[in-house]
Amino acid sequence: MELKDLRQIGEKLIKEISIIRHSPDIKNAIGYGAAGDKTFPIDNTAEEIILNGLKSLREPLSIVSEEIGIIDISGGGRKVIIDPIDGSKNAISGIPFYCASIAVADGDTLNDVNLSYVINLINGDEFWAEKGSGAFLNGKPIHSQKDDEFYLVAYEAQSPGKDIAGIMPLISRSRKTRCLGATALDLAYLAYGAISVFVSPSPSRSFDFAGGWLLVKESGGIMTNLQGKDINNIPLDLKRSTPLLASGNRQLHQKTIELLSKKK
């Protein structure tokens, strides 16, 4: 599997999702995915496009996907971690901020991810990274923020009452804040330098952040848990495994950890 294969899948996603994203049935749940969340038609369509694209490669692959769960293609092989629609709530609500995320790994942990692809399903922007080769937006190299100012802090609040209270020291120091609702796309824009820090206090699952992790790393950023501990050995599975803290650079990351460790 190569980057060009993922980009071909992305091209199909943009074409098909643009047709259905304003469908009157988009808000009607059709079941529950393997990760336990409600599945909507847009999730199902995106996953089918990605799976069909992967099957057409005729390679042995092991799939971890939010909707279908864990399946093997051609007996299983390289691991592919998929979030067909990251930002499903945005998608079904008509809010134009969501993406598809695909990460490819040669092993079973986050550190084994060596190729990632995130496509903004509204404007078609393609973010990708290959281990050791940098991060890119539409083919041009991107780099995360270089200084240690909190220009824009983005966050995810799965449990707002608890999550927001815990990150108030950081939010209070930021010039601007955003809760955008699509973790992989948040991480992609952090890699691009548009977001200084991204924080998600509640545990996330690997398909939420696997693609974004490599983008952040290859752009010069850093991603750990909220205490600054390494998450590289997180298993690539369906379980909620770790809170996330990503920053544009190590100095900014350390400042963030110090703020979050302050007594409330």
Protein backbone atom coordinates (compact mmCIF):
# COMPACT_ATOMS: atom_id res chain seq x y z
CA MET A 1 0.00 0.00 0.00
CA GLU A 2 1.28 3.42 -0.96
CA LEU A 3 0.20 7.01 -0.44
CA LYS A 4 -1.28 7.13 -3.93
CA ASP A 5 -3.69 4.35 -2.94
CA LEU A 6 -4.96 6.35 0.02
CA ARG A 7 -5.32 9.46 -2.12
CA GLN A 8 -7.44 7.52 -4.61
CA ILE A 9 -9.70 6.50 -1.74
CA GLY A 10 -9.84 10.14 -0.65
CA GLU A 11 -10.91 11.20 -4.13
CA LYS A 12 -13.84 8.77 -3.99
CA LEU A 13 -14.78 9.94 -0.51
CA ILE A 14 -14.99 13.57 -1.55
CA LYS A 15 -17.13 12.71 -4.56
CA GLU A 16 -19.61 10.50 -2.70
CA ILE A 17 -19.82 12.38 0.61
CA SER A 18 -20.50 15.67 -1.17
CA ILE A 19 -23.58 14.03 -2.69
CA ILE A 20 -25.09 12.74 0.55
CA ARG A 21 -24.01 15.29 3.15
CA HIS A 22 -27.21 17.32 2.81
CA SER A 23 -29.52 14.29 2.59
CA PRO A 24 -32.68 14.58 4.75
CA ASP A 25 -31.90 11.13 6.21
CA ILE A 26 -28.43 12.05 7.42
CA LYS A 27 -29.55 12.43 11.07
CA ASN A 28 -31.27 9.04 11.24
CA ALA A 29 -29.10 6.51 13.08
CA ILE A 30 -28.95 3.07 11.46
CA GLY A 31 -27.36 1.15 14.34
CA TYR A 32 -24.27 1.11 16.50
CA GLY A 33 -20.66 0.71 15.44
CA ALA A 34 -18.12 -1.67 16.96
CA ALA A 35 -16.79 1.12 19.17
CA GLY A 36 -20.24 1.61 20.72
CA ASP A 37 -21.24 4.91 19.11
CA LYS A 38 -24.30 5.41 16.93
CA THR A 39 -23.75 4.80 13.23
CA PHE A 40 -25.26 7.18 10.69
CA PRO A 41 -25.59 6.75 6.92
CA ILE A 42 -22.61 9.02 6.28
CA ASP A 43 -20.40 6.86 8.55
CA ASN A 44 -21.51 3.71 6.76
CA THR A 45 -20.98 5.16 3.28
CA ALA A 46 -17.50 6.43 4.11
CA GLU A 47 -16.44 3.14 5.65
CA GLU A 48 -17.68 1.17 2.64
CA ILE A 49 -15.71 3.40 0.28
CA ILE A 50 -12.53 2.97 2.32
CA LEU A 51 -12.93 -0.78 2.76
CA ASN A 52 -13.69 -1.32 -0.93
CA GLY A 53 -10.61 0.72 -1.82
CA LEU A 54 -8.43 -1.35 0.49
CA LYS A 55 -9.86 -4.66 -0.73
CA SER A 56 -9.13 -3.66 -4.33
CA LEU A 57 -5.41 -3.56 -3.46
CA ARG A 58 -5.49 -7.35 -2.91
CA GLU A 59 -3.03 -7.08 -0.04
CA PRO A 60 -3.20 -8.90 3.29
CA LEU A 61 -4.39 -6.26 5.75
CA SER A 62 -5.79 -6.16 9.28
CA ILE A 63 -8.42 -3.46 9.64
CA VAL A 64 -9.35 -1.57 12.81
CA SER A 65 -12.35 0.66 12.06
CA GLU A 66 -14.82 2.57 14.21
CA GLU A 67 -17.89 1.03 12.60
CA ILE A 68 -17.11 -2.51 11.44
CA GLY A 69 -14.55 -3.25 14.14
CA ILE A 70 -11.57 -5.56 13.52
CA ILE A 71 -11.46 -7.62 10.33
CA ASP A 72 -8.82 -9.25 8.16
CA ILE A 73 -8.47 -8.92 4.40
CA SER A 74 -6.70 -11.73 2.53
CA GLY A 75 -5.71 -13.40 5.78
CA GLY A 76 -4.53 -10.27 7.59
CA GLY A 77 -1.26 -8.33 7.52
CA ARG A 78 -0.27 -4.69 7.92
CA LYS A 79 -2.63 -2.90 10.28
CA VAL A 80 -4.87 -0.13 8.91
CA ILE A 81 -6.61 2.10 11.48
CA ILE A 82 -9.67 3.90 10.11
CA ASP A 83 -12.02 6.59 11.31
CA PRO A 84 -14.39 6.86 8.33
CA ILE A 85 -15.99 10.08 9.59
CA ASP A 86 -14.12 11.84 12.36
CA GLY A 87 -16.52 14.53 13.52
CA SER A 88 -19.75 12.59 12.94
CA LYS A 89 -21.76 14.94 15.17
CA ASN A 90 -20.61 17.86 13.03
CA ALA A 91 -21.48 15.95 9.86
CA ILE A 92 -25.04 15.06 10.86
CA SER A 93 -25.62 18.56 12.26
CA GLY A 94 -24.52 20.29 9.07
CA ILE A 95 -21.40 21.80 10.64
CA PRO A 96 -18.67 21.81 7.95
CA PHE A 97 -15.75 20.43 9.92
CA TYR A 98 -15.11 16.70 9.64
CA CYS A 99 -12.73 14.32 7.93
CA ALA A 100 -11.72 10.75 7.20
CA SER A 101 -8.57 9.41 8.81
CA ILE A 102 -6.46 6.41 7.77
CA ALA A 103 -3.24 5.26 9.42
CA VAL A 104 -1.08 2.32 8.35
CA ALA A 105 1.19 0.45 10.78
CA ASP A 106 3.70 -2.39 10.56
CA GLY A 107 2.91 -3.47 14.13
CA ASP A 108 0.34 -3.31 16.89
CA THR A 109 1.20 -0.03 18.64
CA LEU A 110 1.02 3.67 17.85
CA ASN A 111 4.79 3.83 17.37
CA ASP A 112 4.44 1.37 14.47
CA VAL A 113 2.37 3.82 12.37
CA ASN A 114 4.45 4.75 9.33
CA LEU A 115 1.89 6.28 6.96
CA SER A 116 -1.09 8.51 7.67
CA TYR A 117 -3.70 10.26 5.58
CA VAL A 118 -6.35 12.72 6.74
CA ILE A 119 -8.73 14.36 4.27
CA ASN A 120 -10.97 17.31 5.06
CA LEU A 121 -14.28 16.14 3.60
CA ILE A 122 -15.57 19.69 3.12
CA ASN A 123 -12.82 21.37 1.12
CA GLY A 124 -10.77 18.37 -0.02
CA ASP A 125 -7.54 19.37 1.73
CA GLU A 126 -5.28 16.33 2.04
CA PHE A 127 -2.84 15.95 4.91
CA TRP A 128 -0.36 13.10 4.88
CA ALA A 129 2.82 11.95 6.57
CA GLU A 130 5.30 9.15 6.06
CA LYS A 131 7.65 8.21 8.88
CA GLY A 132 10.95 9.97 8.46
CA SER A 133 9.81 11.96 5.42
CA GLY A 134 7.87 14.87 6.93
CA ALA A 135 4.26 16.03 6.88
CA PHE A 136 2.41 17.59 3.95
CA LEU A 137 -0.72 19.52 3.03
CA ASN A 138 -1.74 19.05 -0.60
CA GLY A 139 1.81 18.04 -1.45
CA LYS A 140 3.58 20.96 0.26
CA PRO A 141 5.67 20.45 3.42
CA ILE A 142 4.12 21.73 6.64
CA HIS A 143 5.59 22.52 10.04
CA SER A 144 4.07 23.01 13.46
CA GLN A 145 4.36 26.22 15.50
CA LYS A 146 7.93 27.21 16.40
CA ASP A 147 7.52 29.60 19.35
CA ASP A 148 5.86 29.08 22.74
CA GLU A 149 2.90 31.47 22.56
CA PHE A 150 -0.64 30.16 23.09
CA TYR A 151 -2.11 31.71 19.97
CA LEU A 152 -4.95 29.21 19.60
CA VAL A 153 -5.78 26.31 21.89
CA ALA A 154 -8.18 23.69 20.55
CA TYR A 155 -9.84 21.13 22.77
CA GLU A 156 -12.24 18.20 22.73
CA ALA A 157 -14.77 17.90 25.59
CA GLN A 158 -16.49 14.52 25.67
CA SER A 159 -17.69 15.30 29.21
CA PRO A 160 -17.85 19.13 29.21
CA GLY A 161 -18.62 19.57 32.90
CA LYS A 162 -15.47 17.70 33.89
CA ASP A 163 -13.20 18.21 30.90
CA ILE A 164 -13.46 21.98 30.54
CA ALA A 165 -12.99 22.59 34.27
CA GLY A 166 -9.77 20.58 34.18
CA ILE A 167 -8.22 22.55 31.33
CA MET A 168 -9.27 26.05 32.43
CA PRO A 169 -5.71 27.06 33.41
CA LEU A 170 -4.67 26.46 29.79
CA ILE A 171 -7.77 28.00 28.23
CA SER A 172 -7.33 31.10 30.38
CA ARG A 173 -3.82 31.66 29.02
CA SER A 174 -4.77 31.27 25.36
CA ARG A 175 -5.39 34.22 23.06
CA LYS A 176 -8.15 32.23 21.31
CA THR A 177 -9.82 28.85 21.89
CA ARG A 178 -11.83 26.51 19.68
CA CYS A 179 -13.75 23.28 20.23
CA LEU A 180 -13.93 22.08 16.63
CA GLY A 181 -15.18 18.53 17.10
CA ALA A 182 -12.90 16.37 14.93
CA THR A 183 -9.72 15.15 16.63
CA ALA A 184 -7.83 14.01 13.54
CA LEU A 185 -8.50 17.31 11.79
CA ASP A 186 -7.52 19.27 14.91
CA LEU A 187 -4.20 17.43 14.92
CA ALA A 188 -3.74 17.99 11.19
CA TYR A 189 -4.15 21.74 11.61
CA LEU A 190 -1.78 21.68 14.58
CA ALA A 191 0.77 20.05 12.28
CA TYR A 192 0.08 22.87 9.81
CA GLY A 193 0.86 25.47 12.49
CA ALA A 194 -2.68 26.86 12.74
CA ILE A 195 -3.27 25.44 16.25
CA SER A 196 -0.76 25.88 19.07
CA VAL A 197 -2.03 23.19 21.44
CA PHE A 198 -4.73 20.52 21.27
CA VAL A 199 -6.02 18.86 24.43
CA SER A 200 -8.56 16.08 24.93
CA PRO A 201 -8.91 15.26 28.65
CA SER A 202 -11.18 12.20 28.33
CA PRO A 203 -9.64 8.97 26.98
CA SER A 204 -9.63 8.66 23.19
CA ARG A 205 -9.39 5.59 20.96
CA SER A 206 -6.55 4.85 18.58
CA PHE A 207 -8.59 5.45 15.42
CA ASP A 208 -9.30 8.98 16.72
CA PHE A 209 -5.65 9.96 16.81
CA ALA A 210 -3.42 7.45 14.98
CA GLY A 211 -3.36 9.41 11.72
CA GLY A 212 -2.96 12.73 13.50
CA TRP A 213 -0.15 11.41 15.71
CA LEU A 214 2.18 10.85 12.76
CA LEU A 215 1.28 14.23 11.23
CA VAL A 216 2.14 15.98 14.49
CA LYS A 217 5.37 14.05 14.94
CA GLU A 218 6.59 14.55 11.37
CA SER A 219 5.77 18.28 11.40
CA GLY A 220 7.94 18.91 14.46
CA GLY A 221 5.25 18.70 17.16
CA ILE A 222 4.87 16.44 20.17
CA MET A 223 1.98 14.38 21.53
CA THR A 224 1.68 12.70 24.94
CA ASN A 225 -0.93 12.23 27.64
CA LEU A 226 -1.81 15.20 29.86
CA GLN A 227 1.06 14.47 32.28
CA GLY A 228 3.60 14.43 29.47
CA LYS A 229 4.01 10.65 29.46
CA ASP A 230 4.81 8.84 26.22
CA ILE A 231 1.87 7.21 24.42
CA ASN A 232 3.89 5.47 21.71
CA ASN A 233 3.10 2.00 23.06
CA ILE A 234 -0.69 2.50 23.03
CA PRO A 235 -2.31 -0.54 21.33
CA LEU A 236 -4.03 0.04 18.00
CA ASP A 237 -7.46 -1.28 18.96
CA LEU A 238 -11.02 -0.13 19.71
CA LYS A 239 -10.61 0.67 23.41
CA ARG A 240 -10.57 4.16 24.90
CA SER A 241 -6.95 4.30 25.94
CA THR A 242 -5.54 7.74 26.70
CA PRO A 243 -6.20 11.46 27.07
CA LEU A 244 -4.29 13.52 24.52
CA LEU A 245 -2.06 16.56 24.65
CA ALA A 246 -0.42 17.77 21.44
CA SER A 247 1.73 20.89 21.03
CA GLY A 248 3.63 22.55 18.22
CA ASN A 249 7.00 22.09 19.92
CA ARG A 250 8.59 20.77 23.10
CA GLN A 251 8.90 24.14 24.89
CA LEU A 252 5.23 24.91 24.28
CA HIS A 253 4.35 21.40 25.45
CA GLN A 254 6.24 21.81 28.71
CA LYS A 255 4.52 25.13 29.42
CA THR A 256 1.17 23.45 28.82
CA ILE A 257 1.93 20.56 31.17
CA GLU A 258 2.91 23.02 33.90
CA LEU A 259 -0.36 24.92 33.47
CA LEU A 260 -2.47 21.76 33.55
CA SER A 261 -0.71 20.55 36.69
CA LYS A 262 -1.68 23.65 38.68
CA LYS A 263 -4.05 23.14 41.59
CA LYS A 264 -7.59 24.29 40.85
